Amino acid sequence: MIKEVEKTIQQLFESDVTTYRISKETGIRISVIDGYRNNTSKLENMTLKIAGKLCDYAERLNDKEK
């Protein structure tokens, strides 16, 4: 399950969705998202709260694409 969460978040960060948009729609600070996107922060050290918000957001994006 943890690997699935990591994969979902990694796919979101590798997508064309801007950091600003992710931040605006999740409430997560841009600097936090940039840290994970630029690999200055490790995904495995991400809090559950942030991981949950990012996974929920990624799922909403996937639902819109269908």
C-alpha atoms as a PDB file:
ATOM      1  CA  MET A   1       0.000   0.000   0.000  1.00  0.00           C
ATOM      2  CA  ILE A   2       2.786   2.440   0.819  1.00  0.00           C
ATOM      3  CA  LYS A   3       4.453   1.728  -2.512  1.00  0.00           C
ATOM      4  CA  GLU A   4       1.169   2.532  -4.278  1.00  0.00           C
ATOM      5  CA  VAL A   5       0.964   5.870  -2.467  1.00  0.00           C
ATOM      6  CA  GLU A   6       4.564   6.689  -3.380  1.00  0.00           C
ATOM      7  CA  LYS A   7       3.893   5.741  -7.006  1.00  0.00           C
ATOM      8  CA  THR A   8       0.760   7.907  -7.160  1.00  0.00           C
ATOM      9  CA  ILE A   9       2.566  10.921  -5.706  1.00  0.00           C
ATOM     10  CA  GLN A  10       5.605  10.420  -7.922  1.00  0.00           C
ATOM     11  CA  GLN A  11       3.382  10.268 -11.014  1.00  0.00           C
ATOM     12  CA  LEU A  12       1.694  13.495  -9.934  1.00  0.00           C
ATOM     13  CA  PHE A  13       5.055  15.211  -9.494  1.00  0.00           C
ATOM     14  CA  GLU A  14       6.242  13.967 -12.896  1.00  0.00           C
ATOM     15  CA  SER A  15       3.073  15.182 -14.611  1.00  0.00           C
ATOM     16  CA  ASP A  16       2.528  18.493 -16.361  1.00  0.00           C
ATOM     17  CA  VAL A  17       0.462  19.815 -13.457  1.00  0.00           C
ATOM     18  CA  THR A  18       2.171  22.928 -12.114  1.00  0.00           C
ATOM     19  CA  THR A  19       3.415  23.242  -8.575  1.00  0.00           C
ATOM     20  CA  TYR A  20       1.256  26.336  -8.206  1.00  0.00           C
ATOM     21  CA  ARG A  21      -1.894  24.433  -9.190  1.00  0.00           C
ATOM     22  CA  ILE A  22      -1.122  21.547  -6.832  1.00  0.00           C
ATOM     23  CA  SER A  23      -0.491  24.031  -4.038  1.00  0.00           C
ATOM     24  CA  LYS A  24      -3.635  26.036  -4.745  1.00  0.00           C
ATOM     25  CA  GLU A  25      -5.884  22.985  -4.841  1.00  0.00           C
ATOM     26  CA  THR A  26      -4.367  21.080  -1.903  1.00  0.00           C
ATOM     27  CA  GLY A  27      -3.361  23.870   0.456  1.00  0.00           C
ATOM     28  CA  ILE A  28       0.222  22.556   0.594  1.00  0.00           C
ATOM     29  CA  ARG A  29       2.869  25.278   0.426  1.00  0.00           C
ATOM     30  CA  ILE A  30       4.726  25.681  -2.867  1.00  0.00           C
ATOM     31  CA  SER A  31       8.085  25.348  -1.099  1.00  0.00           C
ATOM     32  CA  VAL A  32       7.067  21.977   0.320  1.00  0.00           C
ATOM     33  CA  ILE A  33       5.950  20.656  -3.062  1.00  0.00           C
ATOM     34  CA  ASP A  34       9.089  22.015  -4.738  1.00  0.00           C
ATOM     35  CA  GLY A  35      11.218  20.219  -2.170  1.00  0.00           C
ATOM     36  CA  TYR A  36       9.702  16.892  -3.129  1.00  0.00           C
ATOM     37  CA  ARG A  37       9.674  17.640  -6.852  1.00  0.00           C
ATOM     38  CA  ASN A  38      13.336  18.670  -6.820  1.00  0.00           C
ATOM     39  CA  ASN A  39      14.358  15.719  -4.629  1.00  0.00           C
ATOM     40  CA  THR A  40      15.675  17.936  -1.830  1.00  0.00           C
ATOM     41  CA  SER A  41      13.102  16.237   0.394  1.00  0.00           C
ATOM     42  CA  LYS A  42      12.526  12.489   0.303  1.00  0.00           C
ATOM     43  CA  LEU A  43       9.073  11.068  -0.352  1.00  0.00           C
ATOM     44  CA  GLU A  44       9.534   8.503   2.406  1.00  0.00           C
ATOM     45  CA  ASN A  45       9.873  11.362   4.920  1.00  0.00           C
ATOM     46  CA  MET A  46       6.608  12.996   3.833  1.00  0.00           C
ATOM     47  CA  THR A  47       3.956  13.358   6.526  1.00  0.00           C
ATOM     48  CA  LEU A  48       0.802  11.300   6.232  1.00  0.00           C
ATOM     49  CA  LYS A  49      -1.246  14.487   6.121  1.00  0.00           C
ATOM     50  CA  ILE A  50       0.581  15.771   3.029  1.00  0.00           C
ATOM     51  CA  ALA A  51       0.617  12.323   1.391  1.00  0.00           C
ATOM     52  CA  GLY A  52      -3.132  12.039   1.921  1.00  0.00           C
ATOM     53  CA  LYS A  53      -3.819  15.433   0.368  1.00  0.00           C
ATOM     54  CA  LEU A  54      -1.627  14.664  -2.644  1.00  0.00           C
ATOM     55  CA  CYS A  55      -3.176  11.231  -3.205  1.00  0.00           C
ATOM     56  CA  ASP A  56      -6.698  12.643  -2.952  1.00  0.00           C
ATOM     57  CA  TYR A  57      -5.779  15.357  -5.429  1.00  0.00           C
ATOM     58  CA  ALA A  58      -4.187  12.881  -7.851  1.00  0.00           C
ATOM     59  CA  GLU A  59      -7.309  10.710  -7.692  1.00  0.00           C
ATOM     60  CA  ARG A  60      -9.547  13.725  -8.424  1.00  0.00           C
ATOM     61  CA  LEU A  61      -7.384  14.533 -11.445  1.00  0.00           C
ATOM     62  CA  ASN A  62      -7.626  10.944 -12.699  1.00  0.00           C
ATOM     63  CA  ASP A  63     -11.401  10.978 -12.256  1.00  0.00           C
ATOM     64  CA  LYS A  64     -11.656  14.186 -14.340  1.00  0.00           C
ATOM     65  CA  GLU A  65      -9.611  12.617 -17.143  1.00  0.00           C
ATOM     66  CA  LYS A  66     -11.970   9.645 -17.467  1.00  0.00           C
END
